[in-house]
């Protein structure tokens, strides 16, 4: 459990940004849950390449596992939003 949390921590700002925009809604409704899942389709720049957030998470986890298994000596993490956040990634059905 702790390792899983550590692996996801670099991506937390993207989720925090989405949640901060929905504080006014209060309850964790099905629409809010759906919106959180849809954040995975957000396009970000990860280590110089544009990709979906879910792809970046997958790549990051694999690179960390390679590090832990001694296959690589470092794990590089550079992330940013690409241009603007698309409305559907932030607002979804809400």
PDB file of N, CA and C in Angstrom:
ATOM      1  N   UNK A   1       0.827  -1.198   0.000  1.00  0.00           N
ATOM      2  CA  UNK A   1       0.000   0.000   0.000  1.00  0.00           C
ATOM      3  C   UNK A   1       0.868   1.258   0.000  1.00  0.00           C
ATOM      4  N   UNK A   2       1.885   1.304   0.849  1.00  0.00           N
ATOM      5  CA  UNK A   2       2.724   2.494   0.920  1.00  0.00           C
ATOM      6  C   UNK A   2       3.487   2.720  -0.375  1.00  0.00           C
ATOM      7  N   UNK A   3       4.013   1.648  -0.985  1.00  0.00           N
ATOM      8  CA  UNK A   3       4.736   1.797  -2.241  1.00  0.00           C
ATOM      9  C   UNK A   3       3.807   2.333  -3.323  1.00  0.00           C
ATOM     10  N   UNK A   4       2.582   1.836  -3.372  1.00  0.00           N
ATOM     11  CA  UNK A   4       1.606   2.326  -4.345  1.00  0.00           C
ATOM     12  C   UNK A   4       1.347   3.819  -4.173  1.00  0.00           C
ATOM     13  N   UNK A   5       1.218   4.255  -2.931  1.00  0.00           N
ATOM     14  CA  UNK A   5       1.015   5.684  -2.668  1.00  0.00           C
ATOM     15  C   UNK A   5       2.222   6.500  -3.095  1.00  0.00           C
ATOM     16  N   UNK A   6       3.423   5.989  -2.816  1.00  0.00           N
ATOM     17  CA  UNK A   6       4.644   6.699  -3.207  1.00  0.00           C
ATOM     18  C   UNK A   6       4.764   6.811  -4.721  1.00  0.00           C
ATOM     19  N   UNK A   7       4.381   5.761  -5.437  1.00  0.00           N
ATOM     20  CA  UNK A   7       4.477   5.777  -6.899  1.00  0.00           C
ATOM     21  C   UNK A   7       3.511   6.777  -7.521  1.00  0.00           C
ATOM     22  N   UNK A   8       2.365   6.975  -6.904  1.00  0.00           N
ATOM     23  CA  UNK A   8       1.356   7.873  -7.460  1.00  0.00           C
ATOM     24  C   UNK A   8       1.556   9.328  -7.046  1.00  0.00           C
ATOM     25  N   UNK A   9       2.361   9.573  -6.030  1.00  0.00           N
ATOM     26  CA  UNK A   9       2.519  10.922  -5.471  1.00  0.00           C
ATOM     27  C   UNK A   9       2.896  11.995  -6.496  1.00  0.00           C
ATOM     28  N   UNK A  10       3.777  11.730  -7.463  1.00  0.00           N
ATOM     29  CA  UNK A  10       4.115  12.786  -8.433  1.00  0.00           C
ATOM     30  C   UNK A  10       2.920  13.272  -9.258  1.00  0.00           C
ATOM     31  N   UNK A  11       1.889  12.453  -9.351  1.00  0.00           N
ATOM     32  CA  UNK A  11       0.726  12.789 -10.176  1.00  0.00           C
ATOM     33  C   UNK A  11      -0.402  13.428  -9.360  1.00  0.00           C
ATOM     34  N   UNK A  12      -0.222  13.513  -8.086  1.00  0.00           N
ATOM     35  CA  UNK A  12      -1.251  14.054  -7.202  1.00  0.00           C
ATOM     36  C   UNK A  12      -1.673  15.476  -7.543  1.00  0.00           C
ATOM     37  N   UNK A  13      -0.768  16.366  -7.962  1.00  0.00           N
ATOM     38  CA  UNK A  13      -1.210  17.734  -8.278  1.00  0.00           C
ATOM     39  C   UNK A  13      -2.301  17.799  -9.347  1.00  0.00           C
ATOM     40  N   UNK A  14      -2.287  16.882 -10.305  1.00  0.00           N
ATOM     41  CA  UNK A  14      -3.326  16.888 -11.342  1.00  0.00           C
ATOM     42  C   UNK A  14      -4.684  16.552 -10.731  1.00  0.00           C
ATOM     43  N   UNK A  15      -4.724  15.586  -9.835  1.00  0.00           N
ATOM     44  CA  UNK A  15      -5.980  15.210  -9.179  1.00  0.00           C
ATOM     45  C   UNK A  15      -6.409  16.315  -8.203  1.00  0.00           C
ATOM     46  N   UNK A  16      -5.446  16.853  -7.443  1.00  0.00           N
ATOM     47  CA  UNK A  16      -5.761  17.934  -6.507  1.00  0.00           C
ATOM     48  C   UNK A  16      -6.372  19.132  -7.231  1.00  0.00           C
ATOM     49  N   UNK A  17      -5.848  19.448  -8.408  1.00  0.00           N
ATOM     50  CA  UNK A  17      -6.371  20.559  -9.199  1.00  0.00           C
ATOM     51  C   UNK A  17      -7.829  20.303  -9.569  1.00  0.00           C
ATOM     52  N   UNK A  18      -8.128  19.092  -9.989  1.00  0.00           N
ATOM     53  CA  UNK A  18      -9.495  18.742 -10.377  1.00  0.00           C
ATOM     54  C   UNK A  18     -10.418  18.823  -9.153  1.00  0.00           C
ATOM     55  N   UNK A  19      -9.976  18.234  -8.049  1.00  0.00           N
ATOM     56  CA  UNK A  19     -10.798  18.223  -6.833  1.00  0.00           C
ATOM     57  C   UNK A  19     -11.034  19.644  -6.325  1.00  0.00           C
ATOM     58  N   UNK A  20     -10.011  20.484  -6.361  1.00  0.00           N
ATOM     59  CA  UNK A  20     -10.159  21.866  -5.901  1.00  0.00           C
ATOM     60  C   UNK A  20     -11.233  22.604  -6.698  1.00  0.00           C
ATOM     61  N   UNK A  21     -11.370  22.270  -7.960  1.00  0.00           N
ATOM     62  CA  UNK A  21     -12.384  22.901  -8.792  1.00  0.00           C
ATOM     63  C   UNK A  21     -13.789  22.394  -8.526  1.00  0.00           C
ATOM     64  N   UNK A  22     -13.904  21.335  -7.733  1.00  0.00           N
ATOM     65  CA  UNK A  22     -15.214  20.744  -7.463  1.00  0.00           C
ATOM     66  C   UNK A  22     -15.570  20.721  -5.978  1.00  0.00           C
ATOM     67  N   UNK A  23     -14.896  21.515  -5.172  1.00  0.00           N
ATOM     68  CA  UNK A  23     -15.188  21.555  -3.738  1.00  0.00           C
ATOM     69  C   UNK A  23     -16.621  21.969  -3.454  1.00  0.00           C
ATOM     70  N   UNK A  24     -17.142  22.806  -4.303  1.00  0.00           N
ATOM     71  CA  UNK A  24     -18.503  23.322  -4.081  1.00  0.00           C
ATOM     72  C   UNK A  24     -19.552  22.219  -4.144  1.00  0.00           C
ATOM     73  N   UNK A  25     -19.209  21.075  -4.732  1.00  0.00           N
ATOM     74  CA  UNK A  25     -20.178  20.007  -4.914  1.00  0.00           C
ATOM     75  C   UNK A  25     -20.345  19.151  -3.670  1.00  0.00           C
ATOM     76  N   UNK A  26     -19.350  19.091  -2.820  1.00  0.00           N
ATOM     77  CA  UNK A  26     -19.474  18.436  -1.520  1.00  0.00           C
ATOM     78  C   UNK A  26     -19.445  16.920  -1.523  1.00  0.00           C
ATOM     79  N   UNK A  27     -20.467  16.275  -2.009  1.00  0.00           N
ATOM     80  CA  UNK A  27     -20.585  14.821  -1.916  1.00  0.00           C
ATOM     81  C   UNK A  27     -19.870  14.102  -3.051  1.00  0.00           C
ATOM     82  N   UNK A  28     -19.439  12.888  -2.775  1.00  0.00           N
ATOM     83  CA  UNK A  28     -18.771  12.063  -3.781  1.00  0.00           C
ATOM     84  C   UNK A  28     -19.841  11.301  -4.567  1.00  0.00           C
ATOM     85  N   UNK A  29     -20.490  12.016  -5.488  1.00  0.00           N
ATOM     86  CA  UNK A  29     -21.577  11.449  -6.284  1.00  0.00           C
ATOM     87  C   UNK A  29     -20.999  10.601  -7.424  1.00  0.00           C
ATOM     88  N   UNK A  30     -21.836   9.821  -8.090  1.00  0.00           N
ATOM     89  CA  UNK A  30     -21.350   9.062  -9.252  1.00  0.00           C
ATOM     90  C   UNK A  30     -20.732   9.963 -10.330  1.00  0.00           C
ATOM     91  N   UNK A  31     -21.284  11.160 -10.534  1.00  0.00           N
ATOM     92  CA  UNK A  31     -20.710  12.076 -11.521  1.00  0.00           C
ATOM     93  C   UNK A  31     -19.301  12.515 -11.126  1.00  0.00           C
ATOM     94  N   UNK A  32     -19.104  12.765  -9.845  1.00  0.00           N
ATOM     95  CA  UNK A  32     -17.779  13.157  -9.359  1.00  0.00           C
ATOM     96  C   UNK A  32     -16.805  11.992  -9.544  1.00  0.00           C
ATOM     97  N   UNK A  33     -17.228  10.787  -9.207  1.00  0.00           N
ATOM     98  CA  UNK A  33     -16.367   9.609  -9.379  1.00  0.00           C
ATOM     99  C   UNK A  33     -16.005   9.425 -10.849  1.00  0.00           C
ATOM    100  N   UNK A  34     -16.986   9.595 -11.720  1.00  0.00           N
ATOM    101  CA  UNK A  34     -16.729   9.472 -13.155  1.00  0.00           C
ATOM    102  C   UNK A  34     -15.724  10.533 -13.608  1.00  0.00           C
ATOM    103  N   UNK A  35     -15.885  11.744 -13.115  1.00  0.00           N
ATOM    104  CA  UNK A  35     -14.964  12.818 -13.464  1.00  0.00           C
ATOM    105  C   UNK A  35     -13.544  12.511 -13.034  1.00  0.00           C
ATOM    106  N   UNK A  36     -13.388  11.932 -11.850  1.00  0.00           N
ATOM    107  CA  UNK A  36     -12.058  11.566 -11.378  1.00  0.00           C
ATOM    108  C   UNK A  36     -11.418  10.498 -12.273  1.00  0.00           C
ATOM    109  N   UNK A  37     -12.213   9.565 -12.725  1.00  0.00           N
ATOM    110  CA  UNK A  37     -11.692   8.542 -13.638  1.00  0.00           C
ATOM    111  C   UNK A  37     -11.297   9.173 -14.962  1.00  0.00           C
ATOM    112  N   UNK A  38     -12.083  10.110 -15.439  1.00  0.00           N
ATOM    113  CA  UNK A  38     -11.802  10.760 -16.718  1.00  0.00           C
ATOM    114  C   UNK A  38     -10.542  11.628 -16.693  1.00  0.00           C
ATOM    115  N   UNK A  39     -10.095  12.044 -15.512  1.00  0.00           N
ATOM    116  CA  UNK A  39      -8.864  12.827 -15.419  1.00  0.00           C
ATOM    117  C   UNK A  39      -7.693  12.026 -15.995  1.00  0.00           C
ATOM    118  N   UNK A  40      -7.803  10.708 -15.981  1.00  0.00           N
ATOM    119  CA  UNK A  40      -6.742   9.863 -16.546  1.00  0.00           C
ATOM    120  C   UNK A  40      -6.510  10.122 -18.029  1.00  0.00           C
ATOM    121  N   UNK A  41      -7.493  10.664 -18.716  1.00  0.00           N
ATOM    122  CA  UNK A  41      -7.355  10.934 -20.154  1.00  0.00           C
ATOM    123  C   UNK A  41      -6.771  12.326 -20.427  1.00  0.00           C
ATOM    124  N   UNK A  42      -6.445  13.058 -19.372  1.00  0.00           N
ATOM    125  CA  UNK A  42      -5.818  14.364 -19.501  1.00  0.00           C
ATOM    126  C   UNK A  42      -4.482  14.213 -20.227  1.00  0.00           C
ATOM    127  N   UNK A  43      -4.219  15.088 -21.196  1.00  0.00           N
ATOM    128  CA  UNK A  43      -2.945  15.065 -21.914  1.00  0.00           C
ATOM    129  C   UNK A  43      -1.953  15.923 -21.132  1.00  0.00           C
ATOM    130  N   UNK A  44      -0.823  15.305 -20.771  1.00  0.00           N
ATOM    131  CA  UNK A  44       0.227  16.023 -20.058  1.00  0.00           C
ATOM    132  C   UNK A  44       1.549  15.842 -20.813  1.00  0.00           C
ATOM    133  N   UNK A  45       2.530  16.598 -20.412  1.00  0.00           N
ATOM    134  CA  UNK A  45       3.872  16.413 -20.937  1.00  0.00           C
ATOM    135  C   UNK A  45       4.666  15.696 -19.853  1.00  0.00           C
ATOM    136  N   UNK A  46       5.131  14.498 -20.156  1.00  0.00           N
ATOM    137  CA  UNK A  46       5.866  13.671 -19.209  1.00  0.00           C
ATOM    138  C   UNK A  46       7.229  13.364 -19.801  1.00  0.00           C
ATOM    139  N   UNK A  47       8.277  13.830 -19.146  1.00  0.00           N
ATOM    140  CA  UNK A  47       9.646  13.630 -19.620  1.00  0.00           C
ATOM    141  C   UNK A  47       9.802  13.992 -21.096  1.00  0.00           C
ATOM    142  N   UNK A  48       9.217  15.133 -21.468  1.00  0.00           N
ATOM    143  CA  UNK A  48       9.379  15.664 -22.813  1.00  0.00           C
ATOM    144  C   UNK A  48       8.429  15.119 -23.864  1.00  0.00           C
ATOM    145  N   UNK A  49       7.520  14.209 -23.486  1.00  0.00           N
ATOM    146  CA  UNK A  49       6.584  13.626 -24.450  1.00  0.00           C
ATOM    147  C   UNK A  49       5.142  13.874 -24.016  1.00  0.00           C
ATOM    148  N   UNK A  50       4.286  14.182 -24.988  1.00  0.00           N
ATOM    149  CA  UNK A  50       2.863  14.338 -24.702  1.00  0.00           C
ATOM    150  C   UNK A  50       2.237  12.949 -24.605  1.00  0.00           C
ATOM    151  N   UNK A  51       1.442  12.756 -23.564  1.00  0.00           N
ATOM    152  CA  UNK A  51       0.735  11.482 -23.397  1.00  0.00           C
ATOM    153  C   UNK A  51      -0.409  11.658 -22.414  1.00  0.00           C
ATOM    154  N   UNK A  52      -1.299  10.673 -22.395  1.00  0.00           N
ATOM    155  CA  UNK A  52      -2.385  10.679 -21.416  1.00  0.00           C
ATOM    156  C   UNK A  52      -1.797  10.471 -20.027  1.00  0.00           C
ATOM    157  N   UNK A  53      -2.458  11.042 -19.037  1.00  0.00           N
ATOM    158  CA  UNK A  53      -2.019  10.886 -17.660  1.00  0.00           C
ATOM    159  C   UNK A  53      -1.883   9.405 -17.308  1.00  0.00           C
ATOM    160  N   UNK A  54      -2.829   8.587 -17.728  1.00  0.00           N
ATOM    161  CA  UNK A  54      -2.770   7.149 -17.422  1.00  0.00           C
ATOM    162  C   UNK A  54      -1.532   6.494 -18.029  1.00  0.00           C
ATOM    163  N   UNK A  55      -1.123   6.911 -19.222  1.00  0.00           N
ATOM    164  CA  UNK A  55       0.088   6.366 -19.843  1.00  0.00           C
ATOM    165  C   UNK A  55       1.335   6.802 -19.074  1.00  0.00           C
ATOM    166  N   UNK A  56       1.335   8.048 -18.606  1.00  0.00           N
ATOM    167  CA  UNK A  56       2.468   8.555 -17.841  1.00  0.00           C
ATOM    168  C   UNK A  56       2.613   7.796 -16.520  1.00  0.00           C
ATOM    169  N   UNK A  57       1.498   7.529 -15.868  1.00  0.00           N
ATOM    170  CA  UNK A  57       1.528   6.758 -14.625  1.00  0.00           C
ATOM    171  C   UNK A  57       2.111   5.374 -14.899  1.00  0.00           C
ATOM    172  N   UNK A  58       1.642   4.727 -15.946  1.00  0.00           N
ATOM    173  CA  UNK A  58       2.125   3.395 -16.303  1.00  0.00           C
ATOM    174  C   UNK A  58       3.636   3.410 -16.566  1.00  0.00           C
ATOM    175  N   UNK A  59       4.088   4.374 -17.349  1.00  0.00           N
ATOM    176  CA  UNK A  59       5.516   4.474 -17.658  1.00  0.00           C
ATOM    177  C   UNK A  59       6.334   4.746 -16.396  1.00  0.00           C
ATOM    178  N   UNK A  60       5.834   5.628 -15.544  1.00  0.00           N
ATOM    179  CA  UNK A  60       6.526   5.960 -14.308  1.00  0.00           C
ATOM    180  C   UNK A  60       6.676   4.724 -13.415  1.00  0.00           C
ATOM    181  N   UNK A  61       5.613   3.982 -13.253  1.00  0.00           N
ATOM    182  CA  UNK A  61       5.658   2.783 -12.404  1.00  0.00           C
ATOM    183  C   UNK A  61       6.676   1.785 -12.962  1.00  0.00           C
ATOM    184  N   UNK A  62       6.661   1.571 -14.272  1.00  0.00           N
ATOM    185  CA  UNK A  62       7.626   0.639 -14.872  1.00  0.00           C
ATOM    186  C   UNK A  62       9.069   1.110 -14.658  1.00  0.00           C
ATOM    187  N   UNK A  63       9.300   2.405 -14.803  1.00  0.00           N
ATOM    188  CA  UNK A  63      10.656   2.932 -14.596  1.00  0.00           C
ATOM    189  C   UNK A  63      11.088   2.783 -13.133  1.00  0.00           C
ATOM    190  N   UNK A  64      10.173   2.999 -12.211  1.00  0.00           N
ATOM    191  CA  UNK A  64      10.495   2.820 -10.793  1.00  0.00           C
ATOM    192  C   UNK A  64      10.788   1.357 -10.479  1.00  0.00           C
ATOM    193  N   UNK A  65      10.027   0.451 -11.053  1.00  0.00           N
ATOM    194  CA  UNK A  65      10.290  -0.976 -10.842  1.00  0.00           C
ATOM    195  C   UNK A  65      11.638  -1.377 -11.429  1.00  0.00           C
ATOM    196  N   UNK A  66      11.975  -0.822 -12.592  1.00  0.00           N
ATOM    197  CA  UNK A  66      13.303  -1.071 -13.168  1.00  0.00           C
ATOM    198  C   UNK A  66      14.398  -0.589 -12.221  1.00  0.00           C
ATOM    199  N   UNK A  67      14.183   0.567 -11.603  1.00  0.00           N
ATOM    200  CA  UNK A  67      15.149   1.092 -10.649  1.00  0.00           C
ATOM    201  C   UNK A  67      15.285   0.151  -9.446  1.00  0.00           C
ATOM    202  N   UNK A  68      14.152  -0.263  -8.903  1.00  0.00           N
ATOM    203  CA  UNK A  68      14.179  -1.141  -7.734  1.00  0.00           C
ATOM    204  C   UNK A  68      14.811  -2.492  -8.038  1.00  0.00           C
ATOM    205  N   UNK A  69      14.710  -2.936  -9.294  1.00  0.00           N
ATOM    206  CA  UNK A  69      15.305  -4.206  -9.715  1.00  0.00           C
ATOM    207  C   UNK A  69      16.740  -4.051 -10.210  1.00  0.00           C
ATOM    208  N   UNK A  70      17.304  -2.846 -10.107  1.00  0.00           N
ATOM    209  CA  UNK A  70      18.681  -2.605 -10.500  1.00  0.00           C
ATOM    210  C   UNK A  70      18.920  -2.516 -11.998  1.00  0.00           C
ATOM    211  N   UNK A  71      17.868  -2.337 -12.787  1.00  0.00           N
ATOM    212  CA  UNK A  71      18.004  -2.254 -14.246  1.00  0.00           C
ATOM    213  C   UNK A  71      18.359  -0.851 -14.729  1.00  0.00           C
ATOM    214  N   UNK A  72      18.160   0.142 -13.876  1.00  0.00           N
ATOM    215  CA  UNK A  72      18.501   1.523 -14.202  1.00  0.00           C
ATOM    216  C   UNK A  72      18.987   2.206 -12.927  1.00  0.00           C
ATOM    217  N   UNK A  73      19.751   3.269 -13.101  1.00  0.00           N
ATOM    218  CA  UNK A  73      20.326   3.936 -11.927  1.00  0.00           C
ATOM    219  C   UNK A  73      19.571   5.180 -11.490  1.00  0.00           C
ATOM    220  N   UNK A  74      18.611   5.653 -12.297  1.00  0.00           N
ATOM    221  CA  UNK A  74      17.845   6.832 -11.900  1.00  0.00           C
ATOM    222  C   UNK A  74      16.469   6.804 -12.541  1.00  0.00           C
ATOM    223  N   UNK A  75      15.567   7.555 -11.937  1.00  0.00           N
ATOM    224  CA  UNK A  75      14.217   7.730 -12.470  1.00  0.00           C
ATOM    225  C   UNK A  75      14.004   9.224 -12.615  1.00  0.00           C
ATOM    226  N   UNK A  76      13.779   9.655 -13.849  1.00  0.00           N
ATOM    227  CA  UNK A  76      13.565  11.074 -14.143  1.00  0.00           C
ATOM    228  C   UNK A  76      12.075  11.354 -14.203  1.00  0.00           C
ATOM    229  N   UNK A  77      11.652  12.460 -13.565  1.00  0.00           N
ATOM    230  CA  UNK A  77      10.240  12.845 -13.586  1.00  0.00           C
ATOM    231  C   UNK A  77      10.145  14.336 -13.878  1.00  0.00           C
ATOM    232  N   UNK A  78       9.692  14.672 -15.078  1.00  0.00           N
ATOM    233  CA  UNK A  78       9.384  16.057 -15.432  1.00  0.00           C
ATOM    234  C   UNK A  78       7.990  16.052 -16.027  1.00  0.00           C
ATOM    235  N   UNK A  79       7.097  16.830 -15.414  1.00  0.00           N
ATOM    236  CA  UNK A  79       5.715  16.843 -15.876  1.00  0.00           C
ATOM    237  C   UNK A  79       5.184  18.261 -15.944  1.00  0.00           C
ATOM    238  N   UNK A  80       4.275  18.470 -16.870  1.00  0.00           N
ATOM    239  CA  UNK A  80       3.575  19.750 -16.959  1.00  0.00           C
ATOM    240  C   UNK A  80       2.288  19.545 -17.739  1.00  0.00           C
ATOM    241  N   UNK A  81       1.399  20.513 -17.591  1.00  0.00           N
ATOM    242  CA  UNK A  81       0.184  20.504 -18.402  1.00  0.00           C
ATOM    243  C   UNK A  81       0.542  20.926 -19.816  1.00  0.00           C
ATOM    244  N   UNK A  82      -0.176  20.410 -20.773  1.00  0.00           N
ATOM    245  CA  UNK A  82       0.013  20.794 -22.162  1.00  0.00           C
ATOM    246  C   UNK A  82      -1.008  21.872 -22.474  1.00  0.00           C
ATOM    247  N   UNK A  83      -0.521  23.051 -22.827  1.00  0.00           N
ATOM    248  CA  UNK A  83      -1.390  24.185 -23.129  1.00  0.00           C
ATOM    249  C   UNK A  83      -2.389  24.378 -22.003  1.00  0.00           C
ATOM    250  N   UNK A  84      -3.674  24.232 -22.330  1.00  0.00           N
ATOM    251  CA  UNK A  84      -4.707  24.376 -21.312  1.00  0.00           C
ATOM    252  C   UNK A  84      -5.333  23.025 -21.038  1.00  0.00           C
ATOM    253  N   UNK A  85      -5.931  22.915 -19.876  1.00  0.00           N
ATOM    254  CA  UNK A  85      -6.636  21.689 -19.528  1.00  0.00           C
ATOM    255  C   UNK A  85      -7.950  21.663 -20.289  1.00  0.00           C
ATOM    256  N   UNK A  86      -8.231  20.590 -21.043  1.00  0.00           N
ATOM    257  CA  UNK A  86      -9.502  20.533 -21.762  1.00  0.00           C
ATOM    258  C   UNK A  86     -10.684  20.524 -20.795  1.00  0.00           C
ATOM    259  N   UNK A  87     -11.751  21.188 -21.178  1.00  0.00           N
ATOM    260  CA  UNK A  87     -12.928  21.288 -20.310  1.00  0.00           C
ATOM    261  C   UNK A  87     -13.464  19.929 -19.904  1.00  0.00           C
ATOM    262  N   UNK A  88     -13.469  18.971 -20.814  1.00  0.00           N
ATOM    263  CA  UNK A  88     -14.050  17.667 -20.473  1.00  0.00           C
ATOM    264  C   UNK A  88     -13.218  16.937 -19.425  1.00  0.00           C
ATOM    265  N   UNK A  89     -11.927  17.241 -19.309  1.00  0.00           N
ATOM    266  CA  UNK A  89     -11.110  16.605 -18.294  1.00  0.00           C
ATOM    267  C   UNK A  89     -11.377  17.208 -16.919  1.00  0.00           C
ATOM    268  N   UNK A  90     -11.817  18.449 -16.897  1.00  0.00           N
ATOM    269  CA  UNK A  90     -12.055  19.114 -15.627  1.00  0.00           C
ATOM    270  C   UNK A  90     -13.522  19.010 -15.213  1.00  0.00           C
ATOM    271  N   UNK A  91     -14.423  19.273 -16.120  1.00  0.00           N
ATOM    272  CA  UNK A  91     -15.828  19.351 -15.750  1.00  0.00           C
ATOM    273  C   UNK A  91     -16.645  18.094 -16.025  1.00  0.00           C
ATOM    274  N   UNK A  92     -16.212  17.310 -16.964  1.00  0.00           N
ATOM    275  CA  UNK A  92     -16.937  16.096 -17.323  1.00  0.00           C
ATOM    276  C   UNK A  92     -18.426  16.361 -17.439  1.00  0.00           C
ATOM    277  N   UNK A  93     -19.227  15.601 -16.728  1.00  0.00           N
ATOM    278  CA  UNK A  93     -20.677  15.730 -16.827  1.00  0.00           C
ATOM    279  C   UNK A  93     -21.248  16.669 -15.775  1.00  0.00           C
ATOM    280  N   UNK A  94     -20.374  17.336 -15.060  1.00  0.00           N
ATOM    281  CA  UNK A  94     -20.842  18.119 -13.917  1.00  0.00           C
ATOM    282  C   UNK A  94     -21.071  19.548 -14.319  1.00  0.00           C
TER     283      UNK A  94
END
